Protein backbone atom coordinates (compact mmCIF):
# COMPACT_ATOMS: atom_id res chain seq x y z
CA UNK A 1 2.46 55.43 47.44
CA UNK A 2 6.01 54.11 47.92
CA UNK A 3 8.88 54.96 45.61
CA UNK A 4 9.13 52.49 42.72
CA UNK A 5 12.46 50.63 42.69
CA UNK A 6 11.84 46.96 41.97
CA UNK A 7 9.06 45.83 39.60
CA UNK A 8 7.60 42.60 38.25
CA UNK A 9 7.37 42.39 34.45
CA UNK A 10 4.63 40.08 33.19
CA UNK A 11 4.71 39.03 29.52
CA UNK A 12 2.18 36.83 27.71
CA UNK A 13 1.50 35.97 24.08
CA UNK A 14 -1.22 33.70 22.70
CA UNK A 15 -0.75 31.00 20.08
CA UNK A 16 -4.48 31.32 19.30
CA UNK A 17 -3.76 34.73 17.72
CA UNK A 18 -0.81 33.23 15.82
CA UNK A 19 1.63 35.35 17.84
CA UNK A 20 5.26 34.25 17.63
CA UNK A 21 8.42 34.37 19.71
CA UNK A 22 9.26 37.56 17.80
CA UNK A 23 6.21 39.19 19.38
CA UNK A 24 7.32 38.06 22.82
CA UNK A 25 10.85 39.34 22.19
CA UNK A 26 9.50 42.70 21.01
CA UNK A 27 7.36 43.08 24.15
CA UNK A 28 10.29 42.05 26.36
CA UNK A 29 12.62 44.63 24.81
CA UNK A 30 9.98 47.35 25.06
CA UNK A 31 9.33 46.79 28.78
CA UNK A 32 12.97 46.29 29.79
CA UNK A 33 13.84 49.51 27.94
CA UNK A 34 11.11 51.32 29.90
CA UNK A 35 12.47 49.94 33.20
CA UNK A 36 16.05 50.90 32.33
CA UNK A 37 14.99 54.42 31.42
CA UNK A 38 13.27 54.80 34.82
CA UNK A 39 16.02 52.98 36.76
CA UNK A 40 13.72 50.14 37.87
CA UNK A 41 15.17 46.82 38.91
CA UNK A 42 13.00 44.09 37.42
CA UNK A 43 12.14 40.39 37.44
CA UNK A 44 10.53 38.90 34.31
CA UNK A 45 7.64 36.41 34.34
CA UNK A 46 6.56 35.24 30.88
CA UNK A 47 4.47 32.52 29.26
CA UNK A 48 2.87 31.51 25.96
CA UNK A 49 -0.78 30.76 26.72
CA UNK A 50 -4.29 31.90 25.92
CA UNK A 51 -5.67 34.77 27.99
CA UNK A 52 -8.76 32.60 28.57
CA UNK A 53 -6.81 29.68 30.07
CA UNK A 54 -7.65 28.47 33.58
CA UNK A 55 -5.65 29.84 36.49
CA UNK A 56 -4.24 26.35 37.12
CA UNK A 57 -2.58 26.49 33.70
CA UNK A 58 -1.20 30.02 34.09
CA UNK A 59 2.11 29.01 35.67
CA UNK A 60 4.01 32.31 35.22
CA UNK A 61 1.03 34.42 36.31
CA UNK A 62 0.59 32.29 39.44
CA UNK A 63 4.30 32.58 40.31
CA UNK A 64 4.15 36.34 39.80
CA UNK A 65 1.06 36.74 42.04
CA UNK A 66 2.65 34.61 44.78
CA UNK A 67 5.66 36.95 44.91
CA UNK A 68 3.97 40.25 44.00
CA UNK A 69 4.36 41.53 47.57
CA UNK A 70 8.11 41.78 46.91
CA UNK A 71 7.66 44.39 44.17
CA UNK A 72 6.67 48.04 44.02
CA UNK A 73 4.69 47.79 40.75
CA UNK A 74 3.49 45.46 38.00
CA UNK A 75 4.69 46.29 34.47
CA UNK A 76 2.79 44.98 31.41
CA UNK A 77 2.56 45.94 27.74
CA UNK A 78 -1.21 46.27 28.09
CA UNK A 79 -3.61 45.45 30.93
CA UNK A 80 -5.42 43.00 28.62
CA UNK A 81 -2.22 40.92 28.55
CA UNK A 82 -2.85 39.98 32.20
CA UNK A 83 -5.98 37.98 31.44
CA UNK A 84 -9.02 37.89 29.18
CA UNK A 85 -11.16 36.03 31.67
CA UNK A 86 -13.04 38.24 34.09
CA UNK A 87 -12.52 35.89 37.04
CA UNK A 88 -8.71 35.86 36.67
CA UNK A 89 -8.46 39.59 35.92
CA UNK A 90 -10.53 40.35 39.04
CA UNK A 91 -8.21 38.17 41.15
CA UNK A 92 -5.16 40.09 39.90
CA UNK A 93 -6.80 43.49 40.48
CA UNK A 94 -7.82 42.52 44.03
CA UNK A 95 -4.21 41.51 44.73
CA UNK A 96 -3.06 44.89 43.32
CA UNK A 97 -5.55 46.74 45.54
CA UNK A 98 -4.52 44.80 48.64
CA UNK A 99 -0.82 45.54 48.07
CA UNK A 100 -1.55 49.14 47.02
CA UNK A 101 0.83 49.08 44.04
CA UNK A 102 0.30 50.50 40.53
CA UNK A 103 0.11 48.79 37.16
CA UNK A 104 2.50 50.40 34.67
CA UNK A 105 2.24 50.21 30.88
CA UNK A 106 4.32 52.12 28.29
CA UNK A 107 1.37 54.47 27.82
CA UNK A 108 -0.09 54.87 31.30
CA UNK A 109 0.25 54.22 35.02
CA UNK A 110 -2.86 52.80 36.69
CA UNK A 111 -3.20 53.75 40.37
CA UNK A 112 -5.76 52.73 42.98
CA UNK A 113 -8.38 55.15 41.64
CA UNK A 114 -8.15 53.40 38.24
CA UNK A 115 -8.70 49.83 39.47
CA UNK A 116 -12.51 50.13 39.47
CA UNK A 117 -12.35 51.31 35.85
CA UNK A 118 -10.11 48.36 34.98
CA UNK A 119 -12.59 45.92 36.52
CA UNK A 120 -15.40 47.43 34.48
CA UNK A 121 -13.24 47.27 31.33
CA UNK A 122 -12.52 43.61 32.08
CA UNK A 123 -16.28 42.88 32.08
CA UNK A 124 -16.68 44.64 28.73
CA UNK A 125 -13.58 42.90 27.31
CA UNK A 126 -14.89 39.43 28.18
CA UNK A 127 -18.30 40.12 26.65
CA UNK A 128 -16.67 41.61 23.56
CA UNK A 129 -14.39 38.58 23.24
CA UNK A 130 -17.35 36.17 23.46
CA UNK A 131 -19.18 38.16 20.79
CA UNK A 132 -16.14 38.21 18.48
CA UNK A 133 -15.55 34.46 18.93
CA UNK A 134 -19.20 33.75 18.15
CA UNK A 135 -19.05 35.84 14.96
CA UNK A 136 -15.73 34.29 13.87
CA UNK A 137 -17.00 30.76 14.54
CA UNK A 138 -20.18 31.38 12.54
CA UNK A 139 -18.08 32.80 9.70
CA UNK A 140 -15.79 29.77 9.64
CA UNK A 141 -18.75 27.41 9.70
CA UNK A 142 -20.31 29.22 6.73
CA UNK A 143 -17.02 29.04 4.82
CA UNK A 144 -16.63 25.33 5.60
CA UNK A 145 -20.14 24.58 4.33
CA UNK A 146 -19.19 26.43 1.13
CA UNK A 147 -16.26 23.99 0.84
CA UNK A 148 -13.74 26.72 1.67
CA UNK A 149 -10.81 25.51 3.77
CA UNK A 150 -10.45 27.45 7.05
CA UNK A 151 -7.72 25.25 8.55
CA UNK A 152 -4.54 27.20 9.27
CA UNK A 153 -2.02 25.18 7.30
CA UNK A 154 -2.44 22.67 4.47
CA UNK A 155 -1.30 19.08 5.08
CA UNK A 156 2.00 17.88 3.65
CA UNK A 157 1.45 17.33 -0.07
CA UNK A 158 -0.90 20.30 -0.52
CA UNK A 159 -0.55 24.04 -1.15
CA UNK A 160 -3.13 26.59 -0.01
CA UNK A 161 -4.41 28.68 -2.91
CA UNK A 162 -7.36 30.95 -3.69
CA UNK A 163 -9.62 29.96 -6.57
CA UNK A 164 -12.55 32.23 -7.40
CA UNK A 165 -12.03 33.98 -4.07
CA UNK A 166 -12.24 30.71 -2.06
CA UNK A 167 -9.30 29.33 -0.08
CA UNK A 168 -8.69 25.71 -0.97
CA UNK A 169 -5.90 23.09 -1.14
CA UNK A 170 -4.27 21.71 -4.31
CA UNK A 171 -1.75 18.83 -4.51
CA UNK A 172 1.89 19.84 -4.92
CA UNK A 173 5.12 18.00 -5.82
CA UNK A 174 5.05 16.07 -2.51
CA UNK A 175 1.69 14.44 -3.26
CA UNK A 176 3.51 11.43 -4.75
CA UNK A 177 5.29 10.89 -1.42
CA UNK A 178 1.89 10.86 0.31
CA UNK A 179 0.64 8.28 -2.21
CA UNK A 180 3.75 6.15 -1.60
CA UNK A 181 3.21 6.29 2.18
CA UNK A 182 -0.41 5.15 1.88
CA UNK A 183 0.53 2.44 -0.62
CA UNK A 184 3.13 1.04 1.78
CA UNK A 185 0.59 1.16 4.63
CA UNK A 186 -1.93 -0.71 2.43
CA UNK A 187 0.73 -3.39 1.93
CA UNK A 188 1.07 -3.92 5.67
CA UNK A 189 4.14 -1.84 6.53
CA UNK A 190 4.08 -0.07 9.90
CA UNK A 191 4.71 3.66 10.29
CA UNK A 192 8.25 3.13 11.62
CA UNK A 193 9.24 0.98 8.65
CA UNK A 194 7.56 3.39 6.21
CA UNK A 195 9.42 6.30 7.81
CA UNK A 196 12.75 4.61 7.07
CA UNK A 197 11.72 3.90 3.47
CA UNK A 198 10.56 7.45 2.66
CA UNK A 199 13.10 9.20 4.91
CA UNK A 200 10.59 11.04 7.08
CA UNK A 201 10.03 11.04 10.89
CA UNK A 202 7.77 8.22 12.10
CA UNK A 203 5.52 10.75 13.86
CA UNK A 204 5.01 12.63 10.58
CA UNK A 205 4.19 9.39 8.74
CA UNK A 206 1.61 8.50 11.39
CA UNK A 207 0.01 11.97 11.10
CA UNK A 208 -0.18 11.57 7.31
CA UNK A 209 -1.72 8.09 7.53
CA UNK A 210 -4.43 9.27 9.95
CA UNK A 211 -5.28 12.58 8.24
CA UNK A 212 -8.67 12.26 6.53
CA UNK A 213 -7.95 15.52 4.70
CA UNK A 214 -6.09 13.51 2.06
CA UNK A 215 -9.49 12.21 0.85
CA UNK A 216 -10.52 15.79 -0.01
CA UNK A 217 -12.55 16.14 3.20
CA UNK A 218 -12.67 19.32 5.31
CA UNK A 219 -13.02 18.68 9.05
CA UNK A 220 -13.76 21.74 11.19
CA UNK A 221 -15.17 21.36 14.70
CA UNK A 222 -18.10 18.92 14.30
CA UNK A 223 -18.43 19.55 10.56
CA UNK A 224 -17.32 17.13 7.87
CA UNK A 225 -17.58 18.31 4.27
CA UNK A 226 -16.56 15.70 1.71
CA UNK A 227 -15.31 16.30 -1.83
CA UNK A 228 -14.24 19.82 -0.87
CA UNK A 229 -10.97 19.75 -2.83
CA UNK A 230 -8.89 17.38 -4.95
CA UNK A 231 -8.10 14.16 -3.04
CA UNK A 232 -4.73 12.45 -3.03
CA UNK A 233 -6.09 9.21 -1.52
CA UNK A 234 -9.42 7.47 -2.14
CA UNK A 235 -11.85 7.14 0.77
CA UNK A 236 -11.75 3.34 0.55
CA UNK A 237 -7.94 3.24 0.77
CA UNK A 238 -7.99 5.65 3.72
CA UNK A 239 -10.43 3.41 5.62
CA UNK A 240 -8.31 0.31 4.90
CA UNK A 241 -5.19 2.05 6.21
CA UNK A 242 -7.01 3.00 9.43
CA UNK A 243 -8.13 -0.60 9.92
CA UNK A 244 -4.58 -1.79 9.27
CA UNK A 245 -3.05 0.66 11.75
CA UNK A 246 -5.63 -0.27 14.37
CA UNK A 247 -4.90 -3.99 13.99
CA UNK A 248 -1.14 -3.38 14.25
CA UNK A 249 -1.28 -1.11 17.29
CA UNK A 250 -4.13 -2.47 19.42
CA UNK A 251 -4.11 -5.57 21.59
CA UNK A 252 -6.57 -6.92 24.13
CA UNK A 253 -7.52 -4.31 26.71
CA UNK A 254 -6.46 -1.45 24.47
CA UNK A 255 -2.74 -1.99 25.04
CA UNK A 256 -0.30 -1.19 22.27
CA UNK A 257 1.64 -4.04 20.71
CA UNK A 258 5.30 -3.86 19.81
CA UNK A 259 6.24 -5.40 16.48
CA UNK A 260 9.97 -5.50 17.07
CA UNK A 261 12.74 -8.06 16.86
CA UNK A 262 13.63 -10.74 14.33
CA UNK A 263 10.78 -12.66 12.71
CA UNK A 264 11.51 -16.27 13.71
CA UNK A 265 8.11 -17.51 12.56
CA UNK A 266 5.52 -16.05 10.19
CA UNK A 267 2.96 -16.02 13.06
CA UNK A 268 4.98 -13.48 15.07
CA UNK A 269 2.63 -11.04 16.87
CA UNK A 270 -0.39 -12.91 15.43
CA UNK A 271 -0.46 -15.97 17.71
CA UNK A 272 -2.47 -15.69 20.96
CA UNK A 273 -3.41 -17.88 23.92
CA UNK A 274 -6.93 -19.32 23.60
CA UNK A 275 -7.28 -19.33 27.40
CA UNK A 276 -6.37 -15.80 28.47
CA UNK A 277 -6.01 -13.92 25.17
CA UNK A 278 -2.38 -12.92 25.77
CA UNK A 279 0.09 -12.87 22.90
CA UNK A 280 2.34 -15.93 22.57
CA UNK A 281 6.04 -15.61 21.77
CA UNK A 282 8.57 -17.74 19.90
CA UNK A 283 12.05 -18.73 21.06
CA UNK A 284 14.78 -21.18 20.04
CA UNK A 285 15.07 -24.27 22.22
CA UNK A 286 18.62 -25.15 23.28
CA UNK A 287 17.87 -28.63 24.58
CA UNK A 288 19.41 -30.19 21.49
CA UNK A 289 22.38 -28.01 20.63
CA UNK A 290 23.05 -29.94 17.40
CA UNK A 291 19.57 -29.31 16.03
CA UNK A 292 17.86 -26.51 18.01
CA UNK A 293 14.15 -26.11 17.28
CA UNK A 294 11.81 -23.14 17.33
CA UNK A 295 9.28 -23.28 20.17
CA UNK A 296 6.09 -21.46 21.11
CA UNK A 297 6.76 -20.38 24.70
CA UNK A 298 4.52 -21.25 27.64
CA UNK A 299 1.83 -18.63 28.22
CA UNK A 300 2.15 -16.50 31.36
CA UNK A 301 -1.35 -17.68 32.45
CA UNK A 302 0.09 -21.18 32.93
CA UNK A 303 -2.75 -22.86 31.01
CA UNK A 304 -1.08 -22.97 27.60
CA UNK A 305 2.06 -25.06 27.47
CA UNK A 306 4.85 -24.68 24.95
CA UNK A 307 4.96 -26.57 21.69
CA UNK A 308 7.30 -26.92 18.73
CA UNK A 309 6.39 -24.34 16.11
CA UNK A 310 6.55 -26.89 13.26
CA UNK A 311 3.78 -28.94 14.87
CA UNK A 312 1.20 -26.19 14.45
CA UNK A 313 2.24 -24.96 10.99
CA UNK A 314 0.72 -27.81 8.89
CA UNK A 315 -2.62 -27.18 10.58
CA UNK A 316 -2.19 -23.45 9.99
CA UNK A 317 -1.51 -23.90 6.26
CA UNK A 318 -4.55 -26.15 5.85
CA UNK A 319 -6.73 -23.52 7.54
CA UNK A 320 -5.41 -20.86 5.15
CA UNK A 321 -6.57 -23.09 2.30
CA UNK A 322 -9.98 -23.31 3.98
CA UNK A 323 -10.11 -19.51 4.39
CA UNK A 324 -9.46 -19.14 0.66
CA UNK A 325 -12.40 -21.45 -0.08
CA UNK A 326 -14.60 -19.63 2.45
CA UNK A 327 -13.79 -16.21 0.91
CA UNK A 328 -14.72 -17.46 -2.55
CA UNK A 329 -18.06 -18.79 -1.25
CA UNK A 330 -18.81 -15.53 0.60
CA UNK A 331 -17.87 -13.51 -2.46
CA UNK A 332 -20.39 -15.43 -4.55
CA UNK A 333 -23.01 -15.02 -1.81
CA UNK A 334 -22.51 -11.23 -1.73
CA UNK A 335 -22.81 -11.04 -5.51
CA UNK A 336 -26.17 -12.77 -5.19
CA UNK A 337 -27.35 -10.51 -2.32
CA UNK A 338 -29.30 -7.35 -3.20
CA UNK A 339 -27.42 -4.15 -2.35
CA UNK A 340 -30.41 -2.90 -0.35
CA UNK A 341 -29.91 -5.70 2.20
CA UNK A 342 -26.30 -4.64 2.81
CA UNK A 343 -27.40 -1.00 3.11
CA UNK A 344 -29.90 -1.94 5.82
CA UNK A 345 -27.15 -3.71 7.76
CA UNK A 346 -24.96 -0.59 7.60
CA UNK A 347 -27.84 1.68 8.64
CA UNK A 348 -28.51 -0.59 11.62
CA UNK A 349 -24.83 -0.34 12.61
CA UNK A 350 -25.03 3.46 12.45
CA UNK A 351 -28.15 3.45 14.66
CA UNK A 352 -26.30 1.36 17.27
CA UNK A 353 -23.34 3.75 17.19
CA UNK A 354 -25.66 6.77 17.53
CA UNK A 355 -27.23 5.18 20.62
CA UNK A 356 -23.76 4.78 22.14
CA UNK A 357 -23.07 8.45 21.40
CA UNK A 358 -26.29 9.46 23.17
CA UNK A 359 -25.32 7.46 26.26
CA UNK A 360 -21.84 9.00 26.35
CA UNK A 361 -23.24 12.52 25.92
CA UNK A 362 -25.61 11.89 28.83
CA UNK A 363 -22.68 10.64 30.94
CA UNK A 364 -20.77 13.84 30.17
CA UNK A 365 -23.79 15.96 31.12
CA UNK A 366 -24.10 14.07 34.42
CA UNK A 367 -20.39 14.61 35.09
CA UNK A 368 -20.83 18.37 34.56
CA UNK A 369 -23.69 18.42 37.08
CA UNK A 370 -21.58 16.44 39.57
CA UNK A 371 -18.73 18.95 39.11
CA UNK A 372 -21.07 21.89 39.75
CA UNK A 373 -22.48 20.15 42.84
CA UNK A 374 -18.96 19.49 44.16
CA UNK A 375 -19.33 15.69 44.02
CA UNK A 376 -16.16 15.39 41.93
CA UNK A 377 -13.14 17.70 41.71
CA UNK A 378 -11.75 19.40 38.60
CA UNK A 379 -9.10 16.74 37.93
CA UNK A 380 -11.66 13.92 38.10
CA UNK A 381 -14.01 15.83 35.81
CA UNK A 382 -11.25 16.48 33.26
CA UNK A 383 -10.35 12.77 33.22
CA UNK A 384 -13.98 11.81 32.59
CA UNK A 385 -14.36 14.54 29.97
CA UNK A 386 -11.19 13.53 28.10
CA UNK A 387 -12.09 9.83 28.19
CA UNK A 388 -15.60 10.47 26.84
CA UNK A 389 -14.19 12.87 24.25
CA UNK A 390 -11.88 10.17 22.85
CA UNK A 391 -14.74 7.66 22.72
CA UNK A 392 -17.01 10.16 20.95
CA UNK A 393 -14.30 10.89 18.37
CA UNK A 394 -13.90 7.15 17.69
CA UNK A 395 -17.67 6.75 17.29
CA UNK A 396 -17.89 9.74 14.93
CA UNK A 397 -15.07 8.26 12.88
CA UNK A 398 -16.79 4.87 12.68
CA UNK A 399 -20.10 6.48 11.69
CA UNK A 400 -18.35 8.51 8.99
CA UNK A 401 -16.62 5.40 7.63
CA UNK A 402 -19.84 3.39 7.48
CA UNK A 403 -21.72 6.34 5.92
CA UNK A 404 -19.00 6.59 3.29
CA UNK A 405 -19.42 2.90 2.54
CA UNK A 406 -23.18 3.34 2.09
CA UNK A 407 -22.61 6.24 -0.31
CA UNK A 408 -20.17 4.27 -2.43
CA UNK A 409 -21.71 0.80 -2.12
CA UNK A 410 -21.72 -1.20 -5.34
CA UNK A 411 -21.00 -4.76 -6.44
CA UNK A 412 -17.71 -3.82 -8.09
CA UNK A 413 -16.20 -2.48 -4.84
CA UNK A 414 -17.45 -5.49 -2.89
CA UNK A 415 -15.81 -7.78 -5.46
CA UNK A 416 -12.57 -5.81 -5.28
CA UNK A 417 -12.33 -6.31 -1.51
CA UNK A 418 -12.71 -10.08 -1.82
CA UNK A 419 -10.29 -10.13 -4.73
CA UNK A 420 -7.69 -8.25 -2.64
CA UNK A 421 -7.99 -10.84 0.17
CA UNK A 422 -7.59 -13.72 -2.27
CA UNK A 423 -4.59 -12.03 -3.88
CA UNK A 424 -3.03 -11.76 -0.42
CA UNK A 425 -3.37 -15.52 0.02
CA UNK A 426 -1.79 -16.00 -3.41
CA UNK A 427 1.16 -13.76 -2.45
CA UNK A 428 1.64 -15.71 0.79
CA UNK A 429 1.51 -19.05 -1.03
CA UNK A 430 4.03 -17.79 -3.59
CA UNK A 431 6.59 -17.41 -0.80
CA UNK A 432 6.40 -21.13 0.06
CA UNK A 433 8.81 -23.64 -1.42
CA UNK A 434 9.30 -27.40 -1.06
CA UNK A 435 12.39 -28.28 1.03
CA UNK A 436 15.16 -29.98 -0.93
CA UNK A 437 15.94 -33.66 -0.36
CA UNK A 438 18.45 -34.51 2.30
CA UNK A 439 17.67 -31.57 4.55
CA UNK A 440 17.57 -32.36 8.25
CA UNK A 441 15.24 -32.80 9.99
CA UNK A 442 12.99 -34.46 7.40
CA UNK A 443 9.77 -32.46 7.16
CA UNK A 444 6.79 -32.06 4.87
CA UNK A 445 6.42 -28.40 5.84
CA UNK A 446 7.00 -25.87 3.07
CA UNK A 447 9.82 -23.42 3.64
CA UNK A 448 9.43 -19.63 3.67
CA UNK A 449 12.73 -17.82 3.44
CA UNK A 450 11.32 -14.28 3.62
CA UNK A 451 9.49 -14.67 6.92
CA UNK A 452 9.25 -10.93 7.49
CA UNK A 453 7.33 -10.36 4.27
CA UNK A 454 5.05 -13.34 4.92
CA UNK A 455 4.38 -12.06 8.44
CA UNK A 456 3.52 -8.61 7.08
CA UNK A 457 1.09 -10.08 4.52
CA UNK A 458 -0.55 -12.30 7.14
CA UNK A 459 -1.27 -9.26 9.31
CA UNK A 460 -3.25 -7.83 6.41
CA UNK A 461 -5.19 -11.06 6.05
CA UNK A 462 -5.70 -12.25 9.65
CA UNK A 463 -6.97 -10.74 12.88
CA UNK A 464 -5.50 -13.35 15.22
CA UNK A 465 -4.58 -17.01 15.50
CA UNK A 466 -5.51 -18.66 18.81
CA UNK A 467 -3.63 -21.66 20.20
CA UNK A 468 -5.31 -23.87 22.80
CA UNK A 469 -5.40 -27.44 24.05
CA UNK A 470 -8.21 -30.00 24.21
CA UNK A 471 -8.63 -33.66 25.27
CA UNK A 472 -10.58 -36.11 23.11
CA UNK A 473 -12.86 -38.89 24.33
CA UNK A 474 -9.89 -41.24 24.64
CA UNK A 475 -8.08 -38.86 26.97
CA UNK A 476 -5.51 -37.86 24.37
CA UNK A 477 -4.52 -34.20 24.58
CA UNK A 478 -3.70 -32.24 21.45
CA UNK A 479 -3.38 -28.60 20.39
CA UNK A 480 -6.24 -26.65 18.81
CA UNK A 481 -5.59 -23.84 16.34
CA UNK A 482 -8.28 -21.25 15.53
CA UNK A 483 -7.51 -18.88 12.65
CA UNK A 484 -9.61 -15.68 12.49
CA UNK A 485 -9.39 -13.81 9.16
CA UNK A 486 -10.12 -10.10 8.85
CA UNK A 487 -13.69 -9.61 7.75
CA UNK A 488 -14.42 -7.99 4.46
CA UNK A 489 -15.96 -4.68 5.54
CA UNK A 490 -18.84 -4.86 3.08
CA UNK A 491 -20.46 -8.03 4.42
């Protein structure tokens, strides 16, 4: 064996074991001290990754193996730090054997005669790890079913405490901030605007608004255990916030909308082309510089021409009045409908969602078989797997929401939902005022000074407003406005 002069130091810590940068620093100092004591020159390769990660994700390990022929030895804190997966460990040991270099740890030097023992130890280590993971997973599942919280850290607004030997979460002094965030979301404010109002990062506000844990629900793996600890937010309010966020952030084709810029008209980001479904935009017309007017721009599809915004607003206001009447009629109809009928509708919806889950699970199974048969590569399989995973999560969420509605279904909650919609219309109408005499141009349209607030309230009330054109039997062309209100979830 050649004299050892230049070595490769490989360092790895795992976030899964809650190891920190301090651990990495400690290992680094220990190995560099060893090299200095023995007069080794060294190059450090380090990474923070699970020992069971795929080789493609082990960047530092791959770089080290590609250049290992330049070194006289490999230095590690422990041989198990190289890899926990048998396949990867075997690849490293084969490289070591081929280059005929030792593995050095602070406690021992492994030469060629020790490599076979290391391979055997790697087999035992992988089996032991699988057994430990299985036991730990079963233990966490048992704790979750006992309504004991096994999640690492409590959400903002909670403290982790032990009560009667069980780890649970209790609201702390920041719970009021969480309530304020959800209240603002219920009133139609977006996460960015809420973040400015409560002085928190927008990303944090979004995480809070989408965390079902605030309803007192434990979510671990595929388990959902409700009423596990004291809620900060009711289940109904959480569902409404999710629906509101979805309507703000999702456009046709799954694209994200951008609610930015000055609100020139209360239908901003609500008005869409009836031909192609694209969003329509407003702009000021400069044709008459003395009295510029607000216009709906031509649609990019070319089938929806521009029109003065004032022309469509009278029709819009009359349709809002009709929606108010329609909601009152539906409310009365629901009050006269037996609860059992509504329950059957919900159960039918759950059955349809379960069928979709079955189809997606079958697709994933087929993709796994195709990967094993070599019909698709790893990247293609991961794309399919991730896509199906997102869809399954959405379906599980929808099933949980509908199930929650079934559990809490009563006439009072149904009435409250209709009452909230009617109160929204009242708040919108309260913002309207009659223009004073002598204003130019003369108009019968009511004025709304606070367009931003009206726009925010309309997003809570409406899904979309579609603008199209039609020709009557006399060949006269006129616009057509279709206003789609958000459905009350319980009908």
